[in-house]
Amino acid sequence: MFNKLKQIKDLRDQAKVMQTALAGEVFTEEKNGVKIVINGNMEVMSFSLNETLSKSSQEDALKNITNEAIKKAQRMMAKKLQDMGGLDGLMK
């Protein structure tokens, strides 16, 4: 039982380390003059719109670039987790 509690604590500690490491990462996506910047914790830091585009074009571009930025952040998170030994190392 105590071994499982230690594993859970270790997993939480690793998650905190991961969150701190990712907070410093910045992901930028831009399409048709619409731009978004998010950090590794998937918080929007800034975005800008292209006022020459129609409202629906701006909405589509913002949706697409936001999804792409999130995918980049998720790939980075997976890579960092793998580099840290992943969950398998904690569960042994």
PDB file of N, CA and C in Angstrom:
ATOM      1  N   MET A   1       0.819  -1.193   0.000  1.00  0.00           N
ATOM      2  CA  MET A   1       0.000   0.000   0.000  1.00  0.00           C
ATOM      3  C   MET A   1       0.865   1.260   0.000  1.00  0.00           C
ATOM      4  N   PHE A   2       1.887   1.280   0.872  1.00  0.00           N
ATOM      5  CA  PHE A   2       2.756   2.463   0.929  1.00  0.00           C
ATOM      6  C   PHE A   2       3.545   2.622  -0.358  1.00  0.00           C
ATOM      7  N   ASN A   3       3.863   1.503  -0.991  1.00  0.00           N
ATOM      8  CA  ASN A   3       4.579   1.558  -2.258  1.00  0.00           C
ATOM      9  C   ASN A   3       3.717   2.252  -3.324  1.00  0.00           C
ATOM     10  N   LYS A   4       2.434   1.955  -3.363  1.00  0.00           N
ATOM     11  CA  LYS A   4       1.517   2.594  -4.317  1.00  0.00           C
ATOM     12  C   LYS A   4       1.383   4.092  -4.028  1.00  0.00           C
ATOM     13  N   LEU A   5       1.313   4.455  -2.741  1.00  0.00           N
ATOM     14  CA  LEU A   5       1.227   5.869  -2.376  1.00  0.00           C
ATOM     15  C   LEU A   5       2.483   6.610  -2.811  1.00  0.00           C
ATOM     16  N   LYS A   6       3.640   5.978  -2.663  1.00  0.00           N
ATOM     17  CA  LYS A   6       4.894   6.583  -3.101  1.00  0.00           C
ATOM     18  C   LYS A   6       4.888   6.760  -4.619  1.00  0.00           C
ATOM     19  N   GLN A   7       4.366   5.766  -5.331  1.00  0.00           N
ATOM     20  CA  GLN A   7       4.295   5.868  -6.787  1.00  0.00           C
ATOM     21  C   GLN A   7       3.404   7.036  -7.206  1.00  0.00           C
ATOM     22  N   ILE A   8       2.288   7.199  -6.503  1.00  0.00           N
ATOM     23  CA  ILE A   8       1.382   8.307  -6.814  1.00  0.00           C
ATOM     24  C   ILE A   8       2.063   9.642  -6.531  1.00  0.00           C
ATOM     25  N   LYS A   9       2.766   9.737  -5.414  1.00  0.00           N
ATOM     26  CA  LYS A   9       3.498  10.965  -5.081  1.00  0.00           C
ATOM     27  C   LYS A   9       4.564  11.245  -6.136  1.00  0.00           C
ATOM     28  N   ASP A  10       5.297  10.204  -6.544  1.00  0.00           N
ATOM     29  CA  ASP A  10       6.323  10.373  -7.569  1.00  0.00           C
ATOM     30  C   ASP A  10       5.712  10.849  -8.883  1.00  0.00           C
ATOM     31  N   LEU A  11       4.550  10.310  -9.224  1.00  0.00           N
ATOM     32  CA  LEU A  11       3.869  10.710 -10.451  1.00  0.00           C
ATOM     33  C   LEU A  11       3.444  12.171 -10.376  1.00  0.00           C
ATOM     34  N   ARG A  12       2.920  12.589  -9.235  1.00  0.00           N
ATOM     35  CA  ARG A  12       2.542  13.995  -9.052  1.00  0.00           C
ATOM     36  C   ARG A  12       3.761  14.909  -9.148  1.00  0.00           C
ATOM     37  N   ASP A  13       4.858  14.483  -8.533  1.00  0.00           N
ATOM     38  CA  ASP A  13       6.089  15.274  -8.597  1.00  0.00           C
ATOM     39  C   ASP A  13       6.562  15.421 -10.033  1.00  0.00           C
ATOM     40  N   GLN A  14       6.504  14.317 -10.771  1.00  0.00           N
ATOM     41  CA  GLN A  14       6.929  14.354 -12.170  1.00  0.00           C
ATOM     42  C   GLN A  14       6.006  15.264 -12.982  1.00  0.00           C
ATOM     43  N   ALA A  15       4.718  15.228 -12.686  1.00  0.00           N
ATOM     44  CA  ALA A  15       3.767  16.095 -13.393  1.00  0.00           C
ATOM     45  C   ALA A  15       4.065  17.570 -13.119  1.00  0.00           C
ATOM     46  N   LYS A  16       4.442  17.895 -11.886  1.00  0.00           N
ATOM     47  CA  LYS A  16       4.791  19.284 -11.557  1.00  0.00           C
ATOM     48  C   LYS A  16       6.044  19.722 -12.293  1.00  0.00           C
ATOM     49  N   VAL A  17       7.032  18.837 -12.362  1.00  0.00           N
ATOM     50  CA  VAL A  17       8.263  19.139 -13.095  1.00  0.00           C
ATOM     51  C   VAL A  17       7.929  19.361 -14.566  1.00  0.00           C
ATOM     52  N   MET A  18       7.074  18.500 -15.114  1.00  0.00           N
ATOM     53  CA  MET A  18       6.673  18.605 -16.515  1.00  0.00           C
ATOM     54  C   MET A  18       5.941  19.925 -16.759  1.00  0.00           C
ATOM     55  N   GLN A  19       5.031  20.287 -15.874  1.00  0.00           N
ATOM     56  CA  GLN A  19       4.267  21.516 -16.034  1.00  0.00           C
ATOM     57  C   GLN A  19       5.183  22.735 -16.008  1.00  0.00           C
ATOM     58  N   THR A  20       6.146  22.733 -15.105  1.00  0.00           N
ATOM     59  CA  THR A  20       7.092  23.836 -15.019  1.00  0.00           C
ATOM     60  C   THR A  20       7.946  23.921 -16.284  1.00  0.00           C
ATOM     61  N   ALA A  21       8.404  22.763 -16.759  1.00  0.00           N
ATOM     62  CA  ALA A  21       9.231  22.738 -17.970  1.00  0.00           C
ATOM     63  C   ALA A  21       8.433  23.223 -19.174  1.00  0.00           C
ATOM     64  N   LEU A  22       7.186  22.820 -19.265  1.00  0.00           N
ATOM     65  CA  LEU A  22       6.370  23.202 -20.414  1.00  0.00           C
ATOM     66  C   LEU A  22       5.931  24.657 -20.372  1.00  0.00           C
ATOM     67  N   ALA A  23       5.814  25.214 -19.184  1.00  0.00           N
ATOM     68  CA  ALA A  23       5.369  26.607 -19.062  1.00  0.00           C
ATOM     69  C   ALA A  23       6.305  27.545 -19.810  1.00  0.00           C
ATOM     70  N   GLY A  24       7.570  27.180 -19.891  1.00  0.00           N
ATOM     71  CA  GLY A  24       8.543  28.018 -20.577  1.00  0.00           C
ATOM     72  C   GLY A  24       8.543  27.861 -22.086  1.00  0.00           C
ATOM     73  N   GLU A  25       7.858  26.858 -22.588  1.00  0.00           N
ATOM     74  CA  GLU A  25       7.782  26.638 -24.039  1.00  0.00           C
ATOM     75  C   GLU A  25       6.725  27.557 -24.638  1.00  0.00           C
ATOM     76  N   VAL A  26       6.976  28.040 -25.840  1.00  0.00           N
ATOM     77  CA  VAL A  26       6.041  28.921 -26.528  1.00  0.00           C
ATOM     78  C   VAL A  26       5.805  28.359 -27.928  1.00  0.00           C
ATOM     79  N   PHE A  27       4.544  28.318 -28.317  1.00  0.00           N
ATOM     80  CA  PHE A  27       4.167  27.786 -29.621  1.00  0.00           C
ATOM     81  C   PHE A  27       3.385  28.851 -30.369  1.00  0.00           C
ATOM     82  N   THR A  28       3.828  29.137 -31.579  1.00  0.00           N
ATOM     83  CA  THR A  28       3.208  30.177 -32.401  1.00  0.00           C
ATOM     84  C   THR A  28       2.709  29.550 -33.694  1.00  0.00           C
ATOM     85  N   GLU A  29       1.508  29.872 -34.048  1.00  0.00           N
ATOM     86  CA  GLU A  29       0.930  29.441 -35.323  1.00  0.00           C
ATOM     87  C   GLU A  29       0.337  30.663 -36.003  1.00  0.00           C
ATOM     88  N   GLU A  30       0.456  30.679 -37.324  1.00  0.00           N
ATOM     89  CA  GLU A  30      -0.087  31.802 -38.088  1.00  0.00           C
ATOM     90  C   GLU A  30      -0.589  31.306 -39.428  1.00  0.00           C
ATOM     91  N   LYS A  31      -1.726  31.824 -39.822  1.00  0.00           N
ATOM     92  CA  LYS A  31      -2.290  31.491 -41.136  1.00  0.00           C
ATOM     93  C   LYS A  31      -3.131  32.664 -41.604  1.00  0.00           C
ATOM     94  N   ASN A  32      -2.887  33.092 -42.815  1.00  0.00           N
ATOM     95  CA  ASN A  32      -3.641  34.196 -43.422  1.00  0.00           C
ATOM     96  C   ASN A  32      -3.647  35.455 -42.563  1.00  0.00           C
ATOM     97  N   GLY A  33      -2.566  35.693 -41.868  1.00  0.00           N
ATOM     98  CA  GLY A  33      -2.468  36.895 -41.055  1.00  0.00           C
ATOM     99  C   GLY A  33      -3.121  36.782 -39.687  1.00  0.00           C
ATOM    100  N   VAL A  34      -3.674  35.614 -39.375  1.00  0.00           N
ATOM    101  CA  VAL A  34      -4.244  35.363 -38.058  1.00  0.00           C
ATOM    102  C   VAL A  34      -3.201  34.584 -37.279  1.00  0.00           C
ATOM    103  N   LYS A  35      -2.868  35.057 -36.082  1.00  0.00           N
ATOM    104  CA  LYS A  35      -1.745  34.493 -35.333  1.00  0.00           C
ATOM    105  C   LYS A  35      -2.153  34.227 -33.883  1.00  0.00           C
ATOM    106  N   ILE A  36      -1.648  33.100 -33.346  1.00  0.00           N
ATOM    107  CA  ILE A  36      -1.885  32.771 -31.938  1.00  0.00           C
ATOM    108  C   ILE A  36      -0.570  32.324 -31.325  1.00  0.00           C
ATOM    109  N   VAL A  37      -0.380  32.675 -30.065  1.00  0.00           N
ATOM    110  CA  VAL A  37       0.789  32.260 -29.294  1.00  0.00           C
ATOM    111  C   VAL A  37       0.263  31.623 -28.012  1.00  0.00           C
ATOM    112  N   ILE A  38       0.667  30.366 -27.765  1.00  0.00           N
ATOM    113  CA  ILE A  38       0.290  29.688 -26.529  1.00  0.00           C
ATOM    114  C   ILE A  38       1.547  29.190 -25.843  1.00  0.00           C
ATOM    115  N   ASN A  39       1.445  28.974 -24.533  1.00  0.00           N
ATOM    116  CA  ASN A  39       2.591  28.383 -23.833  1.00  0.00           C
ATOM    117  C   ASN A  39       2.363  26.884 -23.687  1.00  0.00           C
ATOM    118  N   GLY A  40       3.328  26.203 -23.115  1.00  0.00           N
ATOM    119  CA  GLY A  40       3.273  24.759 -22.989  1.00  0.00           C
ATOM    120  C   GLY A  40       2.181  24.261 -22.071  1.00  0.00           C
ATOM    121  N   ASN A  41       1.626  25.131 -21.266  1.00  0.00           N
ATOM    122  CA  ASN A  41       0.484  24.754 -20.428  1.00  0.00           C
ATOM    123  C   ASN A  41      -0.828  25.002 -21.167  1.00  0.00           C
ATOM    124  N   MET A  42      -0.713  25.286 -22.456  1.00  0.00           N
ATOM    125  CA  MET A  42      -1.846  25.511 -23.352  1.00  0.00           C
ATOM    126  C   MET A  42      -2.686  26.710 -22.948  1.00  0.00           C
ATOM    127  N   GLU A  43      -2.014  27.728 -22.430  1.00  0.00           N
ATOM    128  CA  GLU A  43      -2.665  28.992 -22.125  1.00  0.00           C
ATOM    129  C   GLU A  43      -2.383  29.961 -23.272  1.00  0.00           C
ATOM    130  N   VAL A  44      -3.410  30.633 -23.733  1.00  0.00           N
ATOM    131  CA  VAL A  44      -3.243  31.607 -24.812  1.00  0.00           C
ATOM    132  C   VAL A  44      -2.520  32.822 -24.250  1.00  0.00           C
ATOM    133  N   MET A  45      -1.389  33.138 -24.865  1.00  0.00           N
ATOM    134  CA  MET A  45      -0.616  34.302 -24.445  1.00  0.00           C
ATOM    135  C   MET A  45      -1.019  35.532 -25.256  1.00  0.00           C
ATOM    136  N   SER A  46      -1.280  35.326 -26.549  1.00  0.00           N
ATOM    137  CA  SER A  46      -1.731  36.425 -27.397  1.00  0.00           C
ATOM    138  C   SER A  46      -2.306  35.863 -28.690  1.00  0.00           C
ATOM    139  N   PHE A  47      -3.084  36.683 -29.353  1.00  0.00           N
ATOM    140  CA  PHE A  47      -3.540  36.361 -30.698  1.00  0.00           C
ATOM    141  C   PHE A  47      -3.826  37.668 -31.421  1.00  0.00           C
ATOM    142  N   SER A  48      -3.756  37.595 -32.725  1.00  0.00           N
ATOM    143  CA  SER A  48      -4.092  38.765 -33.532  1.00  0.00           C
ATOM    144  C   SER A  48      -4.889  38.296 -34.739  1.00  0.00           C
ATOM    145  N   LEU A  49      -5.766  39.159 -35.181  1.00  0.00           N
ATOM    146  CA  LEU A  49      -6.636  38.849 -36.308  1.00  0.00           C
ATOM    147  C   LEU A  49      -6.242  39.665 -37.526  1.00  0.00           C
ATOM    148  N   ASN A  50      -6.616  39.185 -38.671  1.00  0.00           N
ATOM    149  CA  ASN A  50      -6.424  39.903 -39.924  1.00  0.00           C
ATOM    150  C   ASN A  50      -7.758  40.560 -40.261  1.00  0.00           C
ATOM    151  N   GLU A  51      -7.844  41.857 -40.076  1.00  0.00           N
ATOM    152  CA  GLU A  51      -9.109  42.562 -40.245  1.00  0.00           C
ATOM    153  C   GLU A  51      -9.574  42.621 -41.694  1.00  0.00           C
ATOM    154  N   THR A  52      -8.698  42.261 -42.639  1.00  0.00           N
ATOM    155  CA  THR A  52      -9.110  42.268 -44.042  1.00  0.00           C
ATOM    156  C   THR A  52      -9.899  41.004 -44.392  1.00  0.00           C
ATOM    157  N   LEU A  53      -9.852  39.991 -43.538  1.00  0.00           N
ATOM    158  CA  LEU A  53     -10.600  38.753 -43.772  1.00  0.00           C
ATOM    159  C   LEU A  53     -12.029  38.905 -43.273  1.00  0.00           C
ATOM    160  N   SER A  54     -12.916  38.126 -43.842  1.00  0.00           N
ATOM    161  CA  SER A  54     -14.294  38.113 -43.351  1.00  0.00           C
ATOM    162  C   SER A  54     -14.309  37.502 -41.949  1.00  0.00           C
ATOM    163  N   LYS A  55     -15.390  37.749 -41.249  1.00  0.00           N
ATOM    164  CA  LYS A  55     -15.514  37.222 -39.890  1.00  0.00           C
ATOM    165  C   LYS A  55     -15.405  35.702 -39.894  1.00  0.00           C
ATOM    166  N   SER A  56     -16.065  35.041 -40.817  1.00  0.00           N
ATOM    167  CA  SER A  56     -16.028  33.572 -40.846  1.00  0.00           C
ATOM    168  C   SER A  56     -14.624  33.060 -41.193  1.00  0.00           C
ATOM    169  N   SER A  57     -13.906  33.761 -42.073  1.00  0.00           N
ATOM    170  CA  SER A  57     -12.533  33.361 -42.404  1.00  0.00           C
ATOM    171  C   SER A  57     -11.617  33.521 -41.194  1.00  0.00           C
ATOM    172  N   GLN A  58     -11.802  34.611 -40.445  1.00  0.00           N
ATOM    173  CA  GLN A  58     -11.019  34.813 -39.228  1.00  0.00           C
ATOM    174  C   GLN A  58     -11.312  33.713 -38.217  1.00  0.00           C
ATOM    175  N   GLU A  59     -12.590  33.374 -38.051  1.00  0.00           N
ATOM    176  CA  GLU A  59     -12.978  32.329 -37.108  1.00  0.00           C
ATOM    177  C   GLU A  59     -12.376  30.983 -37.500  1.00  0.00           C
ATOM    178  N   ASP A  60     -12.450  30.649 -38.788  1.00  0.00           N
ATOM    179  CA  ASP A  60     -11.881  29.389 -39.261  1.00  0.00           C
ATOM    180  C   ASP A  60     -10.374  29.344 -39.044  1.00  0.00           C
ATOM    181  N   ALA A  61      -9.709  30.431 -39.399  1.00  0.00           N
ATOM    182  CA  ALA A  61      -8.254  30.478 -39.238  1.00  0.00           C
ATOM    183  C   ALA A  61      -7.872  30.374 -37.770  1.00  0.00           C
ATOM    184  N   LEU A  62      -8.576  31.088 -36.911  1.00  0.00           N
ATOM    185  CA  LEU A  62      -8.266  31.048 -35.475  1.00  0.00           C
ATOM    186  C   LEU A  62      -8.482  29.651 -34.913  1.00  0.00           C
ATOM    187  N   LYS A  63      -9.563  29.005 -35.307  1.00  0.00           N
ATOM    188  CA  LYS A  63      -9.830  27.630 -34.857  1.00  0.00           C
ATOM    189  C   LYS A  63      -8.707  26.698 -35.308  1.00  0.00           C
ATOM    190  N   ASN A  64      -8.334  26.790 -36.584  1.00  0.00           N
ATOM    191  CA  ASN A  64      -7.314  25.895 -37.132  1.00  0.00           C
ATOM    192  C   ASN A  64      -5.941  26.120 -36.509  1.00  0.00           C
ATOM    193  N   ILE A  65      -5.542  27.371 -36.364  1.00  0.00           N
ATOM    194  CA  ILE A  65      -4.207  27.614 -35.808  1.00  0.00           C
ATOM    195  C   ILE A  65      -4.162  27.297 -34.320  1.00  0.00           C
ATOM    196  N   THR A  66      -5.281  27.480 -33.623  1.00  0.00           N
ATOM    197  CA  THR A  66      -5.321  27.107 -32.206  1.00  0.00           C
ATOM    198  C   THR A  66      -5.157  25.605 -32.059  1.00  0.00           C
ATOM    199  N   ASN A  67      -5.870  24.844 -32.875  1.00  0.00           N
ATOM    200  CA  ASN A  67      -5.736  23.385 -32.823  1.00  0.00           C
ATOM    201  C   ASN A  67      -4.317  22.943 -33.158  1.00  0.00           C
ATOM    202  N   GLU A  68      -3.699  23.574 -34.136  1.00  0.00           N
ATOM    203  CA  GLU A  68      -2.322  23.218 -34.502  1.00  0.00           C
ATOM    204  C   GLU A  68      -1.337  23.544 -33.375  1.00  0.00           C
ATOM    205  N   ALA A  69      -1.509  24.694 -32.743  1.00  0.00           N
ATOM    206  CA  ALA A  69      -0.632  25.071 -31.633  1.00  0.00           C
ATOM    207  C   ALA A  69      -0.789  24.090 -30.467  1.00  0.00           C
ATOM    208  N   ILE A  70      -2.017  23.674 -30.192  1.00  0.00           N
ATOM    209  CA  ILE A  70      -2.256  22.697 -29.122  1.00  0.00           C
ATOM    210  C   ILE A  70      -1.602  21.366 -29.466  1.00  0.00           C
ATOM    211  N   LYS A  71      -1.704  20.937 -30.710  1.00  0.00           N
ATOM    212  CA  LYS A  71      -1.055  19.685 -31.130  1.00  0.00           C
ATOM    213  C   LYS A  71       0.457  19.767 -30.943  1.00  0.00           C
ATOM    214  N   LYS A  72       1.047  20.908 -31.294  1.00  0.00           N
ATOM    215  CA  LYS A  72       2.488  21.084 -31.095  1.00  0.00           C
ATOM    216  C   LYS A  72       2.845  20.974 -29.618  1.00  0.00           C
ATOM    217  N   ALA A  73       2.046  21.609 -28.769  1.00  0.00           N
ATOM    218  CA  ALA A  73       2.290  21.558 -27.322  1.00  0.00           C
ATOM    219  C   ALA A  73       2.151  20.125 -26.812  1.00  0.00           C
ATOM    220  N   GLN A  74       1.168  19.402 -27.287  1.00  0.00           N
ATOM    221  CA  GLN A  74       0.968  18.015 -26.861  1.00  0.00           C
ATOM    222  C   GLN A  74       2.119  17.126 -27.311  1.00  0.00           C
ATOM    223  N   ARG A  75       2.606  17.343 -28.537  1.00  0.00           N
ATOM    224  CA  ARG A  75       3.757  16.554 -29.011  1.00  0.00           C
ATOM    225  C   ARG A  75       4.988  16.838 -28.164  1.00  0.00           C
ATOM    226  N   MET A  76       5.186  18.113 -27.811  1.00  0.00           N
ATOM    227  CA  MET A  76       6.317  18.483 -26.962  1.00  0.00           C
ATOM    228  C   MET A  76       6.169  17.823 -25.595  1.00  0.00           C
ATOM    229  N   MET A  77       4.954  17.819 -25.048  1.00  0.00           N
ATOM    230  CA  MET A  77       4.709  17.204 -23.756  1.00  0.00           C
ATOM    231  C   MET A  77       5.022  15.703 -23.818  1.00  0.00           C
ATOM    232  N   ALA A  78       4.586  15.040 -24.865  1.00  0.00           N
ATOM    233  CA  ALA A  78       4.845  13.608 -25.014  1.00  0.00           C
ATOM    234  C   ALA A  78       6.342  13.337 -25.119  1.00  0.00           C
ATOM    235  N   LYS A  79       7.052  14.189 -25.874  1.00  0.00           N
ATOM    236  CA  LYS A  79       8.499  14.013 -26.017  1.00  0.00           C
ATOM    237  C   LYS A  79       9.207  14.216 -24.682  1.00  0.00           C
ATOM    238  N   LYS A  80       8.827  15.254 -23.948  1.00  0.00           N
ATOM    239  CA  LYS A  80       9.455  15.508 -22.647  1.00  0.00           C
ATOM    240  C   LYS A  80       9.153  14.379 -21.668  1.00  0.00           C
ATOM    241  N   LEU A  81       7.942  13.860 -21.697  1.00  0.00           N
ATOM    242  CA  LEU A  81       7.575  12.748 -20.826  1.00  0.00           C
ATOM    243  C   LEU A  81       8.401  11.517 -21.179  1.00  0.00           C
ATOM    244  N   GLN A  82       8.566  11.274 -22.461  1.00  0.00           N
ATOM    245  CA  GLN A  82       9.377  10.145 -22.910  1.00  0.00           C
ATOM    246  C   GLN A  82      10.835  10.333 -22.478  1.00  0.00           C
ATOM    247  N   ASP A  83      11.352  11.544 -22.613  1.00  0.00           N
ATOM    248  CA  ASP A  83      12.732  11.829 -22.216  1.00  0.00           C
ATOM    249  C   ASP A  83      12.938  11.661 -20.719  1.00  0.00           C
ATOM    250  N   MET A  84      11.861  11.909 -19.939  1.00  0.00           N
ATOM    251  CA  MET A  84      11.954  11.779 -18.486  1.00  0.00           C
ATOM    252  C   MET A  84      11.773  10.326 -18.033  1.00  0.00           C
ATOM    253  N   GLY A  85      11.555   9.429 -18.953  1.00  0.00           N
ATOM    254  CA  GLY A  85      11.390   8.035 -18.586  1.00  0.00           C
ATOM    255  C   GLY A  85       9.949   7.578 -18.636  1.00  0.00           C
ATOM    256  N   GLY A  86       9.041   8.465 -18.905  1.00  0.00           N
ATOM    257  CA  GLY A  86       7.642   8.105 -19.066  1.00  0.00           C
ATOM    258  C   GLY A  86       7.020   7.571 -17.788  1.00  0.00           C
ATOM    259  N   LEU A  87       5.815   7.130 -17.914  1.00  0.00           N
ATOM    260  CA  LEU A  87       5.081   6.585 -16.769  1.00  0.00           C
ATOM    261  C   LEU A  87       5.596   5.205 -16.387  1.00  0.00           C
ATOM    262  N   ASP A  88       6.149   4.461 -17.344  1.00  0.00           N
ATOM    263  CA  ASP A  88       6.618   3.114 -17.045  1.00  0.00           C
ATOM    264  C   ASP A  88       7.686   3.113 -15.965  1.00  0.00           C
ATOM    265  N   GLY A  89       8.555   4.105 -15.995  1.00  0.00           N
ATOM    266  CA  GLY A  89       9.607   4.173 -14.986  1.00  0.00           C
ATOM    267  C   GLY A  89       9.077   4.355 -13.577  1.00  0.00           C
ATOM    268  N   LEU A  90       7.950   5.039 -13.453  1.00  0.00           N
ATOM    269  CA  LEU A  90       7.364   5.255 -12.131  1.00  0.00           C
ATOM    270  C   LEU A  90       6.560   4.064 -11.638  1.00  0.00           C
ATOM    271  N   MET A  91       6.012   3.301 -12.534  1.00  0.00           N
ATOM    272  CA  MET A  91       5.103   2.237 -12.143  1.00  0.00           C
ATOM    273  C   MET A  91       5.804   0.903 -11.890  1.00  0.00           C
ATOM    274  N   LYS A  92       7.095   0.862 -11.986  1.00  0.00           N
ATOM    275  CA  LYS A  92       7.840  -0.383 -11.733  1.00  0.00           C
ATOM    276  C   LYS A  92       8.122  -0.544 -10.261  1.00  0.00           C
TER     277      LYS A  92
END
